[in-house]
Protein backbone atom coordinates (compact mmCIF):
# COMPACT_ATOMS: atom_id res chain seq x y z
CA ASP A 1 8.87 -7.24 7.90
CA PRO A 2 10.28 -10.26 9.55
CA PRO A 3 11.78 -10.29 13.12
CA PHE A 4 15.10 -8.61 13.18
CA ASP A 5 17.04 -11.17 15.41
CA SER A 6 16.90 -8.35 18.13
CA LYS A 7 17.15 -11.07 20.93
CA ALA A 8 14.11 -9.64 22.58
CA ASP A 9 10.42 -10.60 23.28
CA TYR A 10 7.56 -8.35 22.25
CA ARG A 11 4.38 -7.69 24.02
CA THR A 12 1.44 -5.76 22.76
CA LYS A 13 -1.92 -4.12 24.03
CA ILE A 14 -5.02 -5.81 23.15
CA THR A 15 -8.64 -4.33 23.62
CA LEU A 16 -11.12 -6.84 25.07
CA PRO A 17 -14.78 -6.18 24.85
CA GLY A 18 -16.81 -5.85 27.91
CA GLY A 19 -18.97 -8.87 28.98
CA ASN A 20 -22.20 -6.96 28.38
CA ILE A 21 -23.20 -3.84 26.67
CA GLU A 22 -22.83 -1.85 29.95
CA GLN A 23 -19.28 -2.83 30.57
CA LYS A 24 -16.37 -0.92 29.00
CA PRO A 25 -13.70 -2.57 27.03
CA THR A 26 -10.55 -3.36 28.90
CA VAL A 27 -6.92 -3.08 27.61
CA VAL A 28 -4.54 -5.81 28.48
CA GLU A 29 -1.06 -6.55 27.55
CA GLN A 30 -0.09 -9.93 25.86
CA PHE A 31 2.84 -11.79 24.53
CA ALA A 32 3.25 -10.93 20.76
CA TYR A 33 6.28 -12.96 19.66
CA SER A 34 9.63 -13.97 20.41
CA ASP A 35 12.63 -12.67 18.56
CA THR A 36 15.21 -14.83 20.37
CA TRP A 37 16.88 -17.80 18.56
CA LYS A 38 18.35 -20.99 20.07
CA ASP A 39 21.41 -20.90 17.85
CA GLY A 40 21.53 -17.11 17.30
CA THR A 41 21.86 -15.88 13.75
CA VAL A 42 22.27 -19.23 12.23
CA SER A 43 18.73 -20.60 13.44
CA TYR A 44 17.19 -17.12 12.38
CA LEU A 45 18.52 -17.45 8.86
CA LYS A 46 17.31 -21.13 8.84
CA MET A 47 13.82 -19.88 9.65
CA LEU A 48 13.88 -17.15 7.01
CA TYR A 49 15.37 -18.99 4.12
CA PRO A 50 12.70 -21.36 3.38
CA ARG A 51 10.16 -18.60 3.75
CA LEU A 52 11.75 -16.43 1.27
CA VAL A 53 11.92 -19.51 -1.25
CA LEU A 54 8.29 -19.87 -0.87
CA MET A 55 7.51 -16.17 -1.28
CA LYS A 56 9.56 -16.21 -4.65
CA GLU A 57 7.47 -19.30 -5.86
CA LEU A 58 4.31 -17.33 -5.02
CA LEU A 59 5.30 -14.09 -6.49
CA SER A 60 3.97 -12.93 -9.84
CA GLU A 61 6.49 -12.51 -12.71
CA GLN A 62 5.55 -8.75 -12.48
CA GLY A 63 5.96 -8.67 -8.74
CA SER A 64 8.45 -7.29 -6.31
CA ILE A 65 9.27 -8.15 -2.73
CA TYR A 66 10.24 -5.62 -0.05
CA VAL A 67 12.00 -6.92 3.01
CA HIS A 68 12.30 -4.51 5.95
CA ILE A 69 15.32 -5.33 8.17
CA ASP A 70 17.86 -3.60 10.33
CA TRP A 71 21.57 -3.62 11.57
CA HIS A 72 21.23 -7.08 13.41
CA VAL A 73 21.16 -9.30 10.53
CA GLY A 74 20.48 -7.04 7.43
CA HIS A 75 23.78 -7.91 5.77
CA TYR A 76 23.27 -11.63 6.04
CA VAL A 77 19.68 -11.41 4.70
CA LYS A 78 20.99 -9.36 1.62
CA ILE A 79 23.23 -12.39 0.85
CA ILE A 80 20.60 -15.08 1.17
CA MET A 81 18.21 -12.78 -1.07
CA ASP A 82 20.80 -12.42 -3.70
CA ASP A 83 20.97 -16.23 -3.62
CA ILE A 84 17.16 -16.80 -3.87
CA PHE A 85 16.13 -14.03 -6.12
CA SER A 86 19.37 -13.49 -7.99
CA LYS A 87 21.66 -10.49 -7.73
CA ASP A 88 20.43 -9.43 -11.27
CA ASN A 89 16.88 -8.89 -9.76
CA PHE A 90 18.22 -6.65 -6.87
CA ARG A 91 16.46 -3.29 -7.65
CA ASN A 92 17.54 -1.15 -4.68
CA GLU A 93 18.33 -0.89 -1.00
CA ILE A 94 16.19 1.81 0.61
CA VAL A 95 17.51 3.49 3.67
CA TRP A 96 14.67 4.62 5.98
CA ARG A 97 15.41 7.32 8.63
CA ARG A 98 12.63 6.26 10.89
CA THR A 99 13.43 8.63 13.73
CA TYR A 100 15.32 11.79 14.40
CA ALA A 101 15.62 11.01 18.08
CA GLY A 102 19.46 11.98 18.17
CA LYS A 103 19.93 10.42 21.54
CA THR A 104 23.44 10.70 22.88
CA ILE A 105 25.00 7.42 23.33
CA SER A 106 28.40 6.22 24.81
CA ARG A 107 31.09 5.05 22.47
CA ASN A 108 28.95 4.76 19.33
CA ILE A 109 26.95 6.69 16.76
CA PRO A 110 23.31 6.91 17.20
CA ASN A 111 21.36 4.38 15.02
CA ASN A 112 18.28 5.88 13.44
CA THR A 113 17.89 3.97 10.12
CA ASP A 114 16.63 0.63 8.97
CA PHE A 115 17.04 -1.02 5.64
CA ILE A 116 14.45 -2.31 2.96
CA PHE A 117 15.75 -4.54 0.35
CA TRP A 118 13.72 -4.45 -2.93
CA TYR A 119 13.90 -7.28 -5.37
CA SER A 120 11.75 -8.17 -8.37
CA LYS A 121 10.83 -11.67 -9.56
CA SER A 122 11.94 -10.77 -13.16
CA MET A 123 12.93 -7.82 -15.36
CA ASN A 124 9.34 -7.47 -16.14
CA TYR A 125 8.34 -5.79 -12.99
CA ILE A 126 5.69 -3.20 -12.22
CA TYR A 127 7.16 0.16 -11.35
CA ASN A 128 5.33 3.49 -10.87
CA PRO A 129 7.96 6.42 -10.11
CA ILE A 130 7.63 7.73 -6.68
CA THR A 131 7.34 11.58 -6.79
CA VAL A 132 6.99 14.44 -4.31
CA ALA A 133 6.43 18.17 -4.75
CA LEU A 134 9.37 20.44 -5.45
CA ASN A 135 10.64 22.50 -2.45
CA ASP A 136 11.86 25.94 -2.67
CA LYS A 137 15.52 24.72 -2.88
CA ASP A 138 14.56 22.46 -5.77
CA LYS A 139 13.15 25.51 -7.65
CA GLU A 140 16.41 27.51 -7.42
CA ALA A 141 18.07 25.01 -9.75
CA PHE A 142 15.78 26.24 -12.50
CA ASN A 143 17.71 29.47 -13.22
CA LYS A 144 17.96 29.57 -17.22
CA ASN A 145 15.63 31.03 -19.63
CA ASP A 146 15.67 31.08 -23.47
CA ASN A 147 12.67 33.65 -23.53
CA ASP A 148 10.85 31.33 -25.96
CA GLY A 149 7.73 31.16 -23.97
CA ARG A 150 8.64 27.94 -22.06
CA GLY A 151 9.81 29.71 -18.95
CA LEU A 152 12.73 28.82 -16.49
CA TYR A 153 14.59 25.58 -16.89
CA GLY A 154 17.47 23.64 -15.28
CA THR A 155 19.78 21.24 -17.09
CA VAL A 156 20.74 17.55 -16.23
CA SER A 157 23.53 15.58 -17.60
CA MET A 158 22.93 13.23 -20.72
CA GLN A 159 25.78 10.99 -19.76
CA LYS A 160 24.84 7.48 -18.54
CA VAL A 161 25.47 6.92 -14.85
CA ALA A 162 25.70 3.07 -15.04
CA GLY A 163 27.56 1.01 -17.66
CA PRO A 164 26.86 1.33 -21.37
CA THR A 165 23.83 -0.52 -23.02
CA LYS A 166 23.09 -1.21 -26.59
CA GLY A 167 22.68 1.78 -28.90
CA THR A 168 24.02 4.32 -26.37
CA ILE A 169 27.60 4.32 -27.45
CA TYR A 170 28.15 6.99 -30.13
CA ASP A 171 29.50 10.31 -31.08
CA TYR A 172 26.58 12.74 -31.19
CA VAL A 173 26.27 15.09 -34.30
CA ASP A 174 24.11 18.16 -33.48
CA ASN A 175 22.10 20.21 -36.08
CA SER A 176 25.01 22.48 -36.59
CA GLY A 177 27.24 19.63 -37.61
CA LYS A 178 29.33 19.72 -34.23
CA ILE A 179 30.43 16.52 -33.08
CA TRP A 180 30.14 15.71 -29.31
CA GLU A 181 32.28 12.86 -28.18
CA ARG A 182 30.69 10.03 -26.49
CA PRO A 183 30.96 9.85 -22.66
CA ALA A 184 32.99 6.90 -21.36
CA LYS A 185 29.70 5.04 -20.13
CA GLY A 186 27.62 6.25 -23.06
CA TRP A 187 24.61 8.51 -23.40
CA ARG A 188 21.34 8.08 -21.36
CA MET A 189 19.44 7.25 -24.56
CA VAL A 190 19.63 6.08 -28.10
CA GLN A 191 20.53 8.54 -30.91
CA GLU A 192 17.07 8.85 -32.32
CA LYS A 193 15.52 9.98 -28.89
CA MET A 194 18.39 12.37 -28.47
CA LYS A 195 17.90 13.96 -31.79
CA ALA A 196 14.24 14.26 -31.07
CA LEU A 197 14.99 16.27 -28.03
CA GLU A 198 17.32 18.62 -29.95
CA ASN A 199 14.61 19.11 -32.61
CA ASP A 200 12.14 20.07 -29.72
CA ASN A 201 14.79 22.65 -28.33
CA ARG A 202 15.20 20.48 -25.28
CA LEU A 203 19.03 20.00 -25.30
CA TYR A 204 21.51 22.61 -23.82
CA PHE A 205 25.03 22.66 -25.61
CA GLY A 206 27.77 24.23 -23.43
CA GLY A 207 31.18 23.41 -22.17
CA LYS A 208 32.26 19.82 -23.20
CA THR A 209 29.08 17.90 -23.10
CA VAL A 210 25.41 17.95 -23.72
CA ARG A 211 22.68 18.38 -21.15
CA GLU A 212 18.80 18.03 -21.14
CA LYS A 213 16.54 20.90 -20.32
CA TYR A 214 14.01 20.34 -17.54
CA TYR A 215 11.39 23.16 -17.47
CA LEU A 216 10.12 24.35 -14.11
CA ASN A 217 6.45 24.50 -14.94
CA GLU A 218 6.57 20.87 -16.33
CA ARG A 219 8.46 19.58 -13.21
CA MET A 220 5.85 21.37 -10.93
CA LYS A 221 3.16 19.23 -12.46
CA ILE A 222 4.83 15.92 -12.14
CA GLY A 223 6.98 16.58 -9.08
CA LYS A 224 10.49 15.14 -8.46
CA GLN A 225 11.40 11.47 -8.24
CA ILE A 226 12.60 10.65 -4.82
CA ASP A 227 15.90 8.75 -4.24
CA ASN A 228 16.55 5.69 -1.96
CA LEU A 229 17.05 7.75 1.09
CA TRP A 230 13.80 8.17 2.75
CA VAL A 231 13.86 10.95 5.51
CA ASP A 232 10.29 12.25 5.11
CA ILE A 233 8.41 9.31 6.76
CA GLY A 234 8.81 8.98 10.59
CA ASN A 235 8.03 6.06 12.81
CA MET A 236 5.03 5.61 14.98
CA ASN A 237 6.22 8.41 17.32
CA ARG A 238 5.18 10.92 14.57
CA ASN A 239 2.06 8.97 13.65
CA GLN A 240 0.45 8.45 16.96
CA GLU A 241 -3.17 8.83 15.59
CA GLU A 242 -2.54 5.59 13.91
CA ASP A 243 -1.08 3.75 16.79
CA LEU A 244 -2.65 0.55 17.73
CA GLY A 245 -0.36 -0.35 20.63
CA TYR A 246 1.45 -3.07 18.46
CA THR A 247 5.12 -2.65 19.24
CA THR A 248 6.69 -3.00 15.78
CA GLN A 249 3.74 -1.39 13.89
CA LYS A 250 4.73 0.61 10.77
CA PRO A 251 3.20 3.94 9.60
CA GLU A 252 0.72 3.64 6.75
CA GLU A 253 2.64 6.20 4.74
CA LEU A 254 5.68 3.95 4.40
CA LEU A 255 3.52 1.05 2.93
CA ASP A 256 1.51 3.45 0.93
CA ARG A 257 4.68 4.52 -0.97
CA ILE A 258 6.06 0.93 -1.43
CA ILE A 259 2.62 -0.43 -2.59
CA LYS A 260 1.99 2.39 -5.12
CA ALA A 261 5.47 1.91 -6.49
CA SER A 262 5.27 -1.83 -7.31
CA SER A 263 1.62 -2.55 -7.94
CA ASN A 264 -1.46 -1.29 -9.79
CA GLU A 265 -5.02 -1.14 -8.88
CA ASN A 266 -6.49 -4.75 -8.29
CA SER A 267 -3.00 -6.35 -7.81
CA LEU A 268 -2.61 -8.75 -5.24
CA ILE A 269 -0.51 -7.75 -2.15
CA ALA A 270 0.69 -10.28 0.44
CA ASP A 271 2.33 -9.74 3.69
CA VAL A 272 3.36 -12.99 5.49
CA PHE A 273 4.49 -11.23 8.62
CA ALA A 274 1.53 -9.15 9.03
CA GLY A 275 1.93 -7.71 12.63
CA SER A 276 -0.49 -5.07 13.13
CA GLY A 277 -2.02 -5.27 9.52
CA THR A 278 -0.66 -2.16 8.07
CA THR A 279 -0.03 -3.65 4.62
CA GLY A 280 -3.55 -4.93 4.17
CA ALA A 281 -5.17 -1.73 5.78
CA VAL A 282 -3.19 0.30 3.06
CA ALA A 283 -3.67 -2.08 0.24
CA GLU A 284 -7.46 -2.10 0.92
CA LYS A 285 -7.48 1.84 0.70
CA LEU A 286 -5.55 1.79 -2.57
CA GLY A 287 -7.89 -0.67 -4.29
CA ARG A 288 -5.69 -3.64 -3.98
CA LYS A 289 -6.45 -7.09 -3.14
CA TRP A 290 -4.53 -8.61 -0.18
CA ILE A 291 -3.58 -11.74 1.72
CA MET A 292 -1.97 -11.44 5.17
CA SER A 293 -0.84 -14.11 7.68
CA ASP A 294 0.78 -14.11 11.07
CA ILE A 295 1.63 -16.93 13.60
CA GLY A 296 0.79 -14.55 16.67
CA LYS A 297 -2.79 -14.54 17.85
CA PRO A 298 -2.45 -10.75 19.07
CA ALA A 299 -1.49 -9.81 15.56
CA CYS A 300 -4.39 -11.56 14.07
CA MET A 301 -6.82 -10.01 16.53
CA ILE A 302 -5.54 -6.45 16.07
CA THR A 303 -5.47 -6.96 12.11
CA ARG A 304 -9.05 -8.23 12.05
CA LYS A 305 -10.30 -5.37 14.27
CA ARG A 306 -8.33 -2.73 12.26
CA LEU A 307 -9.96 -3.82 9.00
CA ILE A 308 -13.42 -3.78 10.43
CA ASP A 309 -12.91 -0.46 12.04
CA GLN A 310 -11.91 0.94 8.59
CA ASN A 311 -15.02 -0.68 6.88
CA ALA A 312 -12.85 -2.98 4.64
CA ASN A 313 -14.70 -5.04 2.17
CA PRO A 314 -15.78 -8.55 3.43
CA PHE A 315 -12.64 -10.79 4.03
CA LEU A 316 -12.17 -14.28 5.01
CA TYR A 317 -10.49 -14.89 8.49
CA GLN A 318 -9.09 -18.38 8.94
CA SER A 319 -7.14 -19.98 11.65
CA ILE A 320 -5.13 -22.69 9.87
CA GLY A 321 -2.18 -23.47 12.00
């Protein structure tokens, strides 16, 4: 979560303890960090590029990096990440709708979204599917029933969305001997897996193609996989109970989703623009190890207090710059 080249200076609130036990803590406002750059976008990218190179060197072969950015320089950052991490390791662009403010502005469209670029170090990356519970509208899609005791089901296409891969280009012959012509981009799976689905009565034959049956009772247990448009996590205005007074603080739910998706218990999570320490605070709660750094003294003070307040495991705090 680096600066966004927003051409602004940020201040944050710091709670200072009283001089003795009888004095109440005082809240003061301090300078947090500057997001202004001498040569504009050029100097900003010169700052970010070597840091991203170092992050790649430190990253595990199973690891992922998520970079949160907005409209100011997001398109430039995508290009340098393609160069450093390789376009082949670009996994997705997450669009985070952080607010529903809907403010009317003159001569433009209200901007309520940020971007999170997700890259892996290699193709051997950790990924745990992100699922949420089915809502009533989702359940309406399960409207078929074979009366075989399995209950209601819906169907999804067996055609591949992306380009063809090895073993997925074939004409499928079903158990009745009917031939189903291969789709232009191939099937979603190899022939052996498709046949196993048919033998378990999990294929739906109708119209001009083959579809897979998804049973409601099974989907209720595992939920539905969310896509790359995140509209269910608001910014700190909707998470005020977490608010530490750090201007660019992120909600814990956002980091919870990312950390769960791309790490396992005891994985090591790093955040080199730690800010208010949300990454480490969430990693700690999820049983992950963590390393955080920040160049701003207020960020380090807030992060340290945050971890102590949540009874984190003992950690090393160092001033090394």
